[in-house]
Amino acid sequence: MKYFKVVVWGDSIPAGGPGSWPEITEHIHNNFLNTGTRIKVVNSSIDGKPAAAARDEFAECVLEHDPQLVFIQFGLSDMCYDGRRGSRPVSTPKEFKAHLKEMIVRCKGIPAKVIIFGNHQPAPVFILPDGKTYPEKVMEYNAAARKAAQECNVEFHDMSQLDIPGGTWRDLVGDDYIKLSELGRNLYGNKAATLIMRHINNM
């Protein structure tokens, strides 16, 4: 049986372990949105992996799977200050945008369609070394991701604007206030499955 192959390339948000949003995406599509084409989702996401490092792992994370569609979601690990660059984060917003653009170009060269996910609203409100709050920084990196997508002519979806029926953004996250709750994983999975269905139906 032939499958429509999808790779999810990201950090801890899509990595997620059992019940991750990419796993939910495959289940929802194949059992509820399947119009004749089954999908196979490969989750190449790694907890704590920034785009700054992932960009050099294209061959093993994406290319060897020969996908027709790639979801890319990074940013939360790139915006961290881990001490290795002194007063600079792992990737500045400008660097982050450049990393994403290189990743997009490589994916399009397979050729594969690309969808960029901006990150959801986190709960921590601590102040980062540049004086901005954690949520403010997430929005700054989402803006960089949006620009990368626009400049490369690929889809961008801001998950901080995700519709949460009967809830708030706080319901999306778990006990660490950053990673997704069960509801968050399901809403992400529903969103991604719907986007895949649209891509398949437009083929």
N, C-alpha and C. Protein backbone atom coordinates (compact mmCIF):
# COMPACT_ATOMS: atom_id res chain seq x y z
N MET A 1 0.83 -1.19 0.00
CA MET A 1 0.00 0.00 0.00
C MET A 1 0.88 1.25 0.00
N LYS A 2 0.54 2.20 -0.85
CA LYS A 2 1.27 3.46 -0.90
C LYS A 2 0.68 4.44 0.11
N TYR A 3 1.57 5.21 0.72
CA TYR A 3 1.15 6.20 1.69
C TYR A 3 1.59 7.59 1.24
N PHE A 4 0.85 8.60 1.68
CA PHE A 4 1.29 9.98 1.57
C PHE A 4 2.21 10.21 2.77
N LYS A 5 3.48 10.46 2.50
CA LYS A 5 4.47 10.52 3.58
C LYS A 5 4.62 11.94 4.12
N VAL A 6 4.58 12.02 5.43
CA VAL A 6 4.71 13.30 6.13
C VAL A 6 5.83 13.19 7.16
N VAL A 7 6.70 14.19 7.21
CA VAL A 7 7.72 14.27 8.26
C VAL A 7 7.42 15.48 9.13
N VAL A 8 7.51 15.29 10.43
CA VAL A 8 7.42 16.40 11.37
C VAL A 8 8.81 16.61 11.94
N TRP A 9 9.35 17.79 11.71
CA TRP A 9 10.74 18.11 12.06
C TRP A 9 10.70 19.24 13.09
N GLY A 10 11.04 18.94 14.34
CA GLY A 10 10.93 19.97 15.35
C GLY A 10 11.64 19.64 16.65
N ASP A 11 11.26 20.37 17.70
CA ASP A 11 11.88 20.21 19.01
C ASP A 11 10.93 19.47 19.96
N SER A 12 10.92 19.84 21.22
CA SER A 12 10.15 19.09 22.22
C SER A 12 8.64 19.18 22.03
N ILE A 13 8.15 20.23 21.37
CA ILE A 13 6.70 20.38 21.23
C ILE A 13 6.12 19.25 20.37
N PRO A 14 6.64 18.99 19.18
CA PRO A 14 6.14 17.83 18.44
C PRO A 14 6.73 16.50 18.90
N ALA A 15 7.92 16.51 19.53
CA ALA A 15 8.55 15.24 19.95
C ALA A 15 7.61 14.48 20.89
N GLY A 16 7.30 15.06 21.99
CA GLY A 16 6.19 14.65 22.85
C GLY A 16 6.11 13.26 23.42
N GLY A 17 6.82 12.27 22.89
CA GLY A 17 6.68 10.90 23.37
C GLY A 17 5.37 10.28 22.94
N PRO A 18 4.92 9.19 23.62
CA PRO A 18 3.64 8.55 23.27
C PRO A 18 2.49 9.55 23.33
N GLY A 19 1.66 9.52 22.32
CA GLY A 19 0.55 10.47 22.28
C GLY A 19 0.94 11.84 21.80
N SER A 20 2.07 11.94 21.09
CA SER A 20 2.52 13.22 20.55
C SER A 20 1.53 13.71 19.50
N TRP A 21 1.59 15.01 19.19
CA TRP A 21 0.62 15.49 18.20
C TRP A 21 0.84 14.89 16.82
N PRO A 22 2.08 14.58 16.38
CA PRO A 22 2.22 13.90 15.09
C PRO A 22 1.55 12.51 15.07
N GLU A 23 1.65 11.78 16.20
CA GLU A 23 1.00 10.47 16.29
C GLU A 23 -0.52 10.61 16.21
N ILE A 24 -1.03 11.62 16.90
CA ILE A 24 -2.47 11.88 16.86
C ILE A 24 -2.91 12.29 15.46
N THR A 25 -2.08 13.07 14.79
CA THR A 25 -2.38 13.51 13.42
C THR A 25 -2.61 12.31 12.51
N GLU A 26 -1.70 11.34 12.56
CA GLU A 26 -1.82 10.15 11.70
C GLU A 26 -3.11 9.40 12.01
N HIS A 27 -3.41 9.24 13.29
CA HIS A 27 -4.62 8.51 13.70
C HIS A 27 -5.88 9.22 13.21
N ILE A 28 -5.94 10.53 13.42
CA ILE A 28 -7.13 11.28 13.02
C ILE A 28 -7.34 11.22 11.52
N HIS A 29 -6.25 11.45 10.77
CA HIS A 29 -6.40 11.46 9.31
C HIS A 29 -6.85 10.10 8.79
N ASN A 30 -6.14 9.06 9.18
CA ASN A 30 -6.42 7.73 8.61
C ASN A 30 -7.76 7.15 9.03
N ASN A 31 -8.29 7.59 10.16
CA ASN A 31 -9.54 7.02 10.66
C ASN A 31 -10.76 7.92 10.52
N PHE A 32 -10.53 9.22 10.30
CA PHE A 32 -11.67 10.14 10.24
C PHE A 32 -11.68 11.05 9.01
N LEU A 33 -10.53 11.31 8.41
CA LEU A 33 -10.45 12.26 7.29
C LEU A 33 -9.94 11.61 6.01
N ASN A 34 -9.88 10.30 5.99
CA ASN A 34 -9.29 9.56 4.88
C ASN A 34 -10.26 9.50 3.70
N THR A 35 -9.87 10.13 2.60
CA THR A 35 -10.71 10.10 1.39
C THR A 35 -10.12 9.17 0.33
N GLY A 36 -9.30 8.21 0.77
CA GLY A 36 -8.74 7.23 -0.16
C GLY A 36 -7.23 7.16 -0.14
N THR A 37 -6.58 8.09 0.57
CA THR A 37 -5.13 8.09 0.66
C THR A 37 -4.72 8.07 2.12
N ARG A 38 -4.10 6.98 2.55
CA ARG A 38 -3.61 6.90 3.92
C ARG A 38 -2.30 7.67 4.04
N ILE A 39 -2.01 8.14 5.26
CA ILE A 39 -0.77 8.86 5.47
C ILE A 39 0.12 8.08 6.44
N LYS A 40 1.41 8.33 6.33
CA LYS A 40 2.40 7.81 7.27
C LYS A 40 3.18 9.00 7.79
N VAL A 41 3.09 9.25 9.10
CA VAL A 41 3.78 10.38 9.70
C VAL A 41 5.04 9.90 10.41
N VAL A 42 6.17 10.44 10.01
CA VAL A 42 7.46 10.16 10.65
C VAL A 42 7.79 11.35 11.55
N ASN A 43 7.94 11.10 12.83
CA ASN A 43 8.25 12.18 13.76
C ASN A 43 9.76 12.24 13.98
N SER A 44 10.41 13.18 13.31
CA SER A 44 11.86 13.35 13.43
C SER A 44 12.23 14.43 14.44
N SER A 45 11.33 14.72 15.34
CA SER A 45 11.55 15.77 16.34
C SER A 45 12.33 15.24 17.53
N ILE A 46 13.15 16.12 18.12
CA ILE A 46 13.99 15.74 19.25
C ILE A 46 13.85 16.78 20.35
N ASP A 47 13.58 16.32 21.55
CA ASP A 47 13.42 17.20 22.70
C ASP A 47 14.67 18.05 22.89
N GLY A 48 14.49 19.37 22.98
CA GLY A 48 15.60 20.28 23.22
C GLY A 48 16.41 20.65 22.00
N LYS A 49 16.02 20.19 20.84
CA LYS A 49 16.80 20.44 19.62
C LYS A 49 16.46 21.81 19.03
N PRO A 50 17.42 22.71 18.89
CA PRO A 50 17.16 23.99 18.24
C PRO A 50 17.33 23.88 16.73
N ALA A 51 16.73 24.80 16.01
CA ALA A 51 16.92 24.83 14.56
C ALA A 51 18.39 25.02 14.20
N ALA A 52 19.13 25.70 15.09
CA ALA A 52 20.55 25.95 14.86
C ALA A 52 21.32 24.65 14.67
N ALA A 53 20.89 23.58 15.34
CA ALA A 53 21.54 22.27 15.21
C ALA A 53 20.82 21.39 14.19
N ALA A 54 19.50 21.47 14.17
CA ALA A 54 18.70 20.60 13.29
C ALA A 54 18.98 20.85 11.82
N ARG A 55 19.33 22.07 11.46
CA ARG A 55 19.56 22.38 10.05
C ARG A 55 20.66 21.51 9.45
N ASP A 56 21.58 21.03 10.29
CA ASP A 56 22.67 20.18 9.82
C ASP A 56 22.31 18.70 9.83
N GLU A 57 21.08 18.37 10.20
CA GLU A 57 20.64 16.98 10.29
C GLU A 57 19.54 16.67 9.27
N PHE A 58 19.51 17.44 8.21
CA PHE A 58 18.47 17.30 7.19
C PHE A 58 18.46 15.90 6.59
N ALA A 59 19.63 15.34 6.27
CA ALA A 59 19.70 14.05 5.58
C ALA A 59 19.02 12.95 6.38
N GLU A 60 19.38 12.84 7.67
CA GLU A 60 18.83 11.75 8.47
C GLU A 60 17.42 12.04 9.00
N CYS A 61 17.10 13.30 9.20
CA CYS A 61 15.78 13.64 9.77
C CYS A 61 14.68 13.75 8.72
N VAL A 62 15.05 14.15 7.51
CA VAL A 62 14.03 14.40 6.49
C VAL A 62 14.29 13.64 5.20
N LEU A 63 15.42 13.86 4.58
CA LEU A 63 15.68 13.35 3.24
C LEU A 63 15.52 11.84 3.12
N GLU A 64 16.02 11.08 4.09
CA GLU A 64 15.98 9.62 3.97
C GLU A 64 14.55 9.07 4.01
N HIS A 65 13.61 9.88 4.47
CA HIS A 65 12.21 9.44 4.53
C HIS A 65 11.43 9.80 3.26
N ASP A 66 12.02 10.60 2.39
CA ASP A 66 11.42 10.99 1.11
C ASP A 66 9.97 11.45 1.27
N PRO A 67 9.73 12.47 2.11
CA PRO A 67 8.35 12.91 2.36
C PRO A 67 7.78 13.74 1.23
N GLN A 68 6.47 13.80 1.20
CA GLN A 68 5.77 14.69 0.28
C GLN A 68 5.35 15.98 0.97
N LEU A 69 5.35 15.96 2.30
CA LEU A 69 4.99 17.14 3.09
C LEU A 69 5.82 17.14 4.37
N VAL A 70 6.33 18.31 4.74
CA VAL A 70 7.13 18.45 5.96
C VAL A 70 6.56 19.57 6.82
N PHE A 71 6.26 19.23 8.08
CA PHE A 71 5.93 20.25 9.07
C PHE A 71 7.22 20.62 9.80
N ILE A 72 7.47 21.90 9.97
CA ILE A 72 8.65 22.36 10.70
C ILE A 72 8.19 23.22 11.87
N GLN A 73 8.64 22.86 13.08
CA GLN A 73 8.29 23.63 14.27
C GLN A 73 9.47 23.70 15.23
N PHE A 74 10.11 24.85 15.26
CA PHE A 74 11.22 25.10 16.17
C PHE A 74 11.01 26.47 16.83
N GLY A 75 11.94 26.85 17.67
CA GLY A 75 11.91 28.19 18.26
C GLY A 75 12.12 28.21 19.76
N LEU A 76 11.44 27.32 20.49
CA LEU A 76 11.54 27.38 21.95
C LEU A 76 12.93 27.04 22.46
N SER A 77 13.64 26.18 21.75
CA SER A 77 15.02 25.86 22.15
C SER A 77 16.01 26.88 21.60
N ASP A 78 15.65 27.52 20.49
CA ASP A 78 16.53 28.54 19.90
C ASP A 78 16.57 29.81 20.73
N MET A 79 15.46 30.15 21.38
CA MET A 79 15.39 31.40 22.13
C MET A 79 16.00 31.31 23.52
N CYS A 80 16.43 30.10 23.91
CA CYS A 80 17.01 29.91 25.24
C CYS A 80 18.41 30.51 25.35
N TYR A 81 18.73 30.98 26.53
CA TYR A 81 20.09 31.40 26.86
C TYR A 81 20.71 30.28 27.67
N ASP A 82 21.63 29.51 27.04
CA ASP A 82 22.20 28.36 27.75
C ASP A 82 23.64 28.60 28.19
N GLY A 83 24.13 29.84 28.02
CA GLY A 83 25.47 30.19 28.48
C GLY A 83 26.58 29.98 27.48
N ARG A 84 26.34 29.19 26.45
CA ARG A 84 27.41 28.88 25.50
C ARG A 84 27.78 30.06 24.61
N ARG A 85 26.87 31.03 24.46
CA ARG A 85 27.14 32.20 23.63
C ARG A 85 27.12 33.48 24.46
N GLY A 86 27.37 33.34 25.75
CA GLY A 86 27.40 34.50 26.62
C GLY A 86 26.05 35.19 26.70
N SER A 87 26.01 36.44 26.24
CA SER A 87 24.79 37.24 26.35
C SER A 87 23.83 37.03 25.19
N ARG A 88 24.14 36.08 24.31
CA ARG A 88 23.26 35.82 23.17
C ARG A 88 22.53 34.48 23.35
N PRO A 89 21.30 34.38 22.83
CA PRO A 89 20.58 33.10 22.88
C PRO A 89 21.18 32.09 21.92
N VAL A 90 20.67 30.89 21.94
CA VAL A 90 21.15 29.84 21.03
C VAL A 90 21.06 30.32 19.58
N SER A 91 19.96 30.96 19.23
CA SER A 91 19.81 31.63 17.93
C SER A 91 19.11 32.96 18.16
N THR A 92 19.64 34.03 17.60
CA THR A 92 18.91 35.30 17.62
C THR A 92 17.71 35.16 16.67
N PRO A 93 16.72 36.03 16.75
CA PRO A 93 15.61 35.95 15.80
C PRO A 93 16.07 35.99 14.34
N LYS A 94 17.06 36.82 14.05
CA LYS A 94 17.58 36.91 12.68
C LYS A 94 18.22 35.59 12.27
N GLU A 95 19.01 35.00 13.17
CA GLU A 95 19.65 33.71 12.88
C GLU A 95 18.59 32.62 12.74
N PHE A 96 17.60 32.65 13.61
CA PHE A 96 16.53 31.66 13.56
C PHE A 96 15.81 31.69 12.22
N LYS A 97 15.50 32.88 11.75
CA LYS A 97 14.87 33.03 10.44
C LYS A 97 15.74 32.42 9.35
N ALA A 98 17.05 32.67 9.40
CA ALA A 98 17.97 32.12 8.40
C ALA A 98 18.01 30.59 8.46
N HIS A 99 18.01 30.05 9.68
CA HIS A 99 18.00 28.59 9.83
C HIS A 99 16.75 28.00 9.17
N LEU A 100 15.61 28.58 9.47
CA LEU A 100 14.35 28.07 8.91
C LEU A 100 14.34 28.16 7.39
N LYS A 101 14.83 29.26 6.86
CA LYS A 101 14.84 29.42 5.40
C LYS A 101 15.69 28.35 4.74
N GLU A 102 16.84 28.03 5.34
CA GLU A 102 17.68 26.97 4.78
C GLU A 102 16.96 25.62 4.84
N MET A 103 16.28 25.36 5.94
CA MET A 103 15.55 24.10 6.10
C MET A 103 14.41 24.00 5.08
N ILE A 104 13.71 25.11 4.88
CA ILE A 104 12.61 25.13 3.90
C ILE A 104 13.13 24.86 2.50
N VAL A 105 14.20 25.54 2.13
CA VAL A 105 14.76 25.37 0.79
C VAL A 105 15.18 23.92 0.55
N ARG A 106 15.80 23.30 1.55
CA ARG A 106 16.22 21.91 1.40
C ARG A 106 15.02 20.98 1.25
N CYS A 107 13.97 21.23 2.02
CA CYS A 107 12.76 20.40 1.91
C CYS A 107 12.10 20.56 0.55
N LYS A 108 12.03 21.78 0.07
CA LYS A 108 11.40 22.02 -1.24
C LYS A 108 12.20 21.37 -2.36
N GLY A 109 13.49 21.16 -2.12
CA GLY A 109 14.33 20.53 -3.13
C GLY A 109 14.13 19.03 -3.26
N ILE A 110 13.38 18.40 -2.35
CA ILE A 110 13.20 16.93 -2.39
C ILE A 110 12.50 16.43 -3.66
N PRO A 111 11.33 16.96 -4.09
CA PRO A 111 10.59 18.13 -3.58
C PRO A 111 9.50 17.72 -2.59
N ALA A 112 9.29 18.56 -1.59
CA ALA A 112 8.21 18.36 -0.62
C ALA A 112 7.56 19.70 -0.32
N LYS A 113 6.27 19.67 -0.05
CA LYS A 113 5.59 20.85 0.44
C LYS A 113 6.01 21.08 1.89
N VAL A 114 5.93 22.33 2.33
CA VAL A 114 6.36 22.67 3.68
C VAL A 114 5.29 23.49 4.39
N ILE A 115 5.05 23.16 5.66
CA ILE A 115 4.18 23.94 6.52
C ILE A 115 4.97 24.30 7.78
N ILE A 116 5.02 25.58 8.10
CA ILE A 116 5.69 26.05 9.31
C ILE A 116 4.66 26.29 10.40
N PHE A 117 4.92 25.76 11.59
CA PHE A 117 4.08 26.05 12.75
C PHE A 117 4.82 27.03 13.67
N GLY A 118 4.16 28.17 13.97
CA GLY A 118 4.64 29.01 15.05
C GLY A 118 4.18 28.39 16.37
N ASN A 119 4.82 28.76 17.46
CA ASN A 119 4.52 28.11 18.74
C ASN A 119 3.32 28.73 19.46
N HIS A 120 2.72 27.93 20.33
CA HIS A 120 1.59 28.36 21.14
C HIS A 120 2.05 29.29 22.26
N GLN A 121 1.08 29.89 22.93
CA GLN A 121 1.36 30.78 24.05
C GLN A 121 1.78 29.98 25.27
N PRO A 122 2.98 30.20 25.82
CA PRO A 122 3.40 29.49 27.03
C PRO A 122 2.96 30.24 28.28
N ALA A 123 3.07 29.60 29.42
CA ALA A 123 2.65 30.24 30.67
C ALA A 123 3.76 30.97 31.43
N PRO A 124 5.03 30.54 31.37
CA PRO A 124 6.06 31.22 32.17
C PRO A 124 6.13 32.72 31.85
N VAL A 125 6.29 33.52 32.89
CA VAL A 125 6.40 34.97 32.68
C VAL A 125 7.72 35.51 33.21
N PHE A 126 8.71 34.63 33.39
CA PHE A 126 10.00 35.13 33.84
C PHE A 126 10.64 36.02 32.78
N ILE A 127 11.55 36.86 33.23
CA ILE A 127 12.19 37.82 32.35
C ILE A 127 13.50 37.23 31.82
N LEU A 128 13.67 37.27 30.51
CA LEU A 128 14.89 36.77 29.88
C LEU A 128 15.98 37.84 29.94
N PRO A 129 17.25 37.48 29.68
CA PRO A 129 18.34 38.43 29.79
C PRO A 129 18.21 39.70 28.95
N ASP A 130 17.42 39.65 27.87
CA ASP A 130 17.26 40.85 27.05
C ASP A 130 16.12 41.74 27.55
N GLY A 131 15.51 41.38 28.68
CA GLY A 131 14.48 42.20 29.28
C GLY A 131 13.06 41.85 28.86
N LYS A 132 12.91 40.90 27.96
CA LYS A 132 11.57 40.51 27.50
C LYS A 132 11.07 39.31 28.28
N THR A 133 9.75 39.22 28.43
CA THR A 133 9.17 38.05 29.09
C THR A 133 9.22 36.85 28.14
N TYR A 134 9.09 35.67 28.73
CA TYR A 134 9.11 34.45 27.91
C TYR A 134 8.03 34.47 26.84
N PRO A 135 6.77 34.82 27.18
CA PRO A 135 5.75 34.88 26.12
C PRO A 135 6.06 35.90 25.03
N GLU A 136 6.62 37.05 25.42
CA GLU A 136 6.99 38.06 24.42
C GLU A 136 8.04 37.50 23.46
N LYS A 137 8.97 36.74 24.01
CA LYS A 137 10.03 36.17 23.19
C LYS A 137 9.48 35.12 22.22
N VAL A 138 8.52 34.32 22.69
CA VAL A 138 7.90 33.34 21.80
C VAL A 138 7.25 34.04 20.61
N MET A 139 6.56 35.14 20.86
CA MET A 139 5.91 35.87 19.78
C MET A 139 6.94 36.48 18.82
N GLU A 140 8.09 36.90 19.34
CA GLU A 140 9.15 37.45 18.49
C GLU A 140 9.69 36.37 17.54
N TYR A 141 9.87 35.16 18.05
CA TYR A 141 10.37 34.08 17.21
C TYR A 141 9.28 33.57 16.26
N ASN A 142 8.03 33.64 16.68
CA ASN A 142 6.93 33.33 15.76
C ASN A 142 6.93 34.29 14.59
N ALA A 143 7.19 35.57 14.87
CA ALA A 143 7.24 36.57 13.80
C ALA A 143 8.37 36.27 12.83
N ALA A 144 9.52 35.82 13.35
CA ALA A 144 10.64 35.46 12.49
C ALA A 144 10.29 34.25 11.63
N ALA A 145 9.58 33.29 12.22
CA ALA A 145 9.16 32.10 11.47
C ALA A 145 8.17 32.48 10.37
N ARG A 146 7.27 33.40 10.68
CA ARG A 146 6.31 33.87 9.68
C ARG A 146 7.03 34.52 8.49
N LYS A 147 8.03 35.34 8.79
CA LYS A 147 8.78 36.00 7.72
C LYS A 147 9.53 34.99 6.86
N ALA A 148 10.12 33.98 7.51
CA ALA A 148 10.82 32.94 6.76
C ALA A 148 9.86 32.23 5.82
N ALA A 149 8.68 31.91 6.31
CA ALA A 149 7.68 31.23 5.48
C ALA A 149 7.23 32.11 4.33
N GLN A 150 6.98 33.38 4.60
CA GLN A 150 6.55 34.30 3.55
C GLN A 150 7.60 34.45 2.47
N GLU A 151 8.85 34.59 2.88
CA GLU A 151 9.94 34.79 1.92
C GLU A 151 10.22 33.54 1.09
N CYS A 152 9.85 32.38 1.62
CA CYS A 152 10.04 31.13 0.89
C CYS A 152 8.74 30.62 0.26
N ASN A 153 7.68 31.40 0.41
CA ASN A 153 6.38 31.08 -0.20
C ASN A 153 5.85 29.72 0.25
N VAL A 154 5.84 29.52 1.58
CA VAL A 154 5.24 28.30 2.14
C VAL A 154 4.22 28.71 3.21
N GLU A 155 3.39 27.75 3.60
CA GLU A 155 2.34 28.01 4.59
C GLU A 155 2.93 28.26 5.98
N PHE A 156 2.30 29.19 6.69
CA PHE A 156 2.64 29.43 8.10
C PHE A 156 1.35 29.44 8.91
N HIS A 157 1.37 28.75 10.04
CA HIS A 157 0.22 28.74 10.94
C HIS A 157 0.69 29.07 12.35
N ASP A 158 0.16 30.14 12.90
CA ASP A 158 0.53 30.62 14.23
C ASP A 158 -0.30 29.88 15.27
N MET A 159 0.32 28.95 15.98
CA MET A 159 -0.43 28.13 16.92
C MET A 159 -0.79 28.89 18.20
N SER A 160 -0.28 30.11 18.36
CA SER A 160 -0.74 30.94 19.48
C SER A 160 -2.14 31.47 19.22
N GLN A 161 -2.59 31.34 17.97
CA GLN A 161 -3.94 31.77 17.60
C GLN A 161 -4.90 30.58 17.44
N LEU A 162 -4.47 29.42 17.90
CA LEU A 162 -5.28 28.21 17.78
C LEU A 162 -6.60 28.36 18.52
N ASP A 163 -7.68 27.96 17.88
CA ASP A 163 -8.99 28.01 18.52
C ASP A 163 -9.08 26.94 19.60
N ILE A 164 -9.47 27.33 20.81
CA ILE A 164 -9.55 26.40 21.94
C ILE A 164 -11.00 26.39 22.43
N PRO A 165 -11.82 25.50 21.92
CA PRO A 165 -13.25 25.49 22.29
C PRO A 165 -13.46 25.37 23.80
N GLY A 166 -14.09 26.35 24.39
CA GLY A 166 -14.42 26.30 25.80
C GLY A 166 -13.24 26.45 26.74
N GLY A 167 -12.07 26.85 26.23
CA GLY A 167 -10.89 26.97 27.08
C GLY A 167 -10.05 28.19 26.76
N THR A 168 -8.89 28.26 27.39
CA THR A 168 -7.93 29.33 27.16
C THR A 168 -6.58 28.72 26.84
N TRP A 169 -5.62 29.58 26.49
CA TRP A 169 -4.29 29.08 26.14
C TRP A 169 -3.67 28.29 27.29
N ARG A 170 -4.05 28.60 28.55
CA ARG A 170 -3.50 27.86 29.69
C ARG A 170 -3.86 26.39 29.62
N ASP A 171 -4.99 26.07 29.02
CA ASP A 171 -5.42 24.68 28.91
C ASP A 171 -4.58 23.88 27.90
N LEU A 172 -3.83 24.59 27.06
CA LEU A 172 -3.00 23.92 26.05
C LEU A 172 -1.74 23.30 26.62
N VAL A 173 -1.27 23.81 27.78
CA VAL A 173 0.03 23.40 28.29
C VAL A 173 -0.11 22.55 29.54
N GLY A 174 0.94 21.77 29.80
CA GLY A 174 0.95 20.86 30.94
C GLY A 174 1.55 21.48 32.18
N ASP A 175 2.08 20.63 33.06
CA ASP A 175 2.57 21.09 34.36
C ASP A 175 3.81 21.97 34.27
N ASP A 176 4.57 21.86 33.19
CA ASP A 176 5.76 22.72 33.06
C ASP A 176 5.42 24.05 32.41
N TYR A 177 4.16 24.24 32.04
CA TYR A 177 3.65 25.48 31.45
C TYR A 177 4.19 25.78 30.05
N ILE A 178 4.89 24.83 29.45
CA ILE A 178 5.45 25.04 28.12
C ILE A 178 5.02 23.92 27.17
N LYS A 179 5.31 22.68 27.53
CA LYS A 179 4.95 21.55 26.67
C LYS A 179 3.43 21.34 26.68
N LEU A 180 2.96 20.67 25.65
CA LEU A 180 1.52 20.54 25.45
C LEU A 180 0.85 19.59 26.44
N SER A 181 -0.35 19.96 26.85
CA SER A 181 -1.21 19.08 27.63
C SER A 181 -1.87 18.08 26.68
N GLU A 182 -2.65 17.17 27.23
CA GLU A 182 -3.38 16.23 26.38
C GLU A 182 -4.30 16.98 25.42
N LEU A 183 -4.97 18.01 25.92
CA LEU A 183 -5.83 18.83 25.05
C LEU A 183 -5.00 19.51 23.98
N GLY A 184 -3.86 20.06 24.36
CA GLY A 184 -2.99 20.73 23.39
C GLY A 184 -2.53 19.80 22.29
N ARG A 185 -2.12 18.59 22.66
CA ARG A 185 -1.66 17.62 21.66
C ARG A 185 -2.79 17.25 20.71
N ASN A 186 -3.99 17.12 21.25
CA ASN A 186 -5.13 16.78 20.39
C ASN A 186 -5.51 17.92 19.46
N LEU A 187 -5.47 19.15 19.95
CA LEU A 187 -5.81 20.29 19.09
C LEU A 187 -4.76 20.48 17.99
N TYR A 188 -3.49 20.31 18.33
CA TYR A 188 -2.43 20.35 17.32
C TYR A 188 -2.66 19.24 16.29
N GLY A 189 -2.93 18.03 16.79
CA GLY A 189 -3.13 16.90 15.89
C GLY A 189 -4.29 17.10 14.95
N ASN A 190 -5.39 17.65 15.46
CA ASN A 190 -6.55 17.96 14.62
C ASN A 190 -6.20 18.98 13.55
N LYS A 191 -5.49 20.02 13.95
CA LYS A 191 -5.10 21.07 13.01
C LYS A 191 -4.23 20.51 11.89
N ALA A 192 -3.21 19.74 12.26
CA ALA A 192 -2.30 19.18 11.26
C ALA A 192 -3.01 18.20 10.34
N ALA A 193 -3.88 17.36 10.90
CA ALA A 193 -4.61 16.38 10.08
C ALA A 193 -5.49 17.08 9.05
N THR A 194 -6.13 18.17 9.45
CA THR A 194 -6.96 18.93 8.52
C THR A 194 -6.13 19.54 7.40
N LEU A 195 -4.96 20.07 7.75
CA LEU A 195 -4.08 20.65 6.73
C LEU A 195 -3.60 19.59 5.74
N ILE A 196 -3.28 18.41 6.25
CA ILE A 196 -2.84 17.32 5.37
C ILE A 196 -3.97 16.91 4.43
N MET A 197 -5.17 16.78 4.98
CA MET A 197 -6.33 16.42 4.15
C MET A 197 -6.49 17.42 3.00
N ARG A 198 -6.35 18.69 3.30
CA ARG A 198 -6.49 19.71 2.26
C ARG A 198 -5.41 19.58 1.19
N HIS A 199 -4.18 19.29 1.62
CA HIS A 199 -3.10 19.10 0.65
C HIS A 199 -3.40 17.92 -0.26
N ILE A 200 -3.82 16.82 0.32
CA ILE A 200 -4.12 15.62 -0.47
C ILE A 200 -5.27 15.88 -1.44
N ASN A 201 -6.30 16.53 -0.98
CA ASN A 201 -7.47 16.80 -1.83
C ASN A 201 -7.16 17.77 -2.96
N ASN A 202 -6.10 18.57 -2.80
CA ASN A 202 -5.71 19.53 -3.84
C ASN A 202 -4.65 19.00 -4.78
N MET A 203 -4.24 17.75 -4.58
CA MET A 203 -3.20 17.16 -5.44
C MET A 203 -3.75 16.89 -6.85
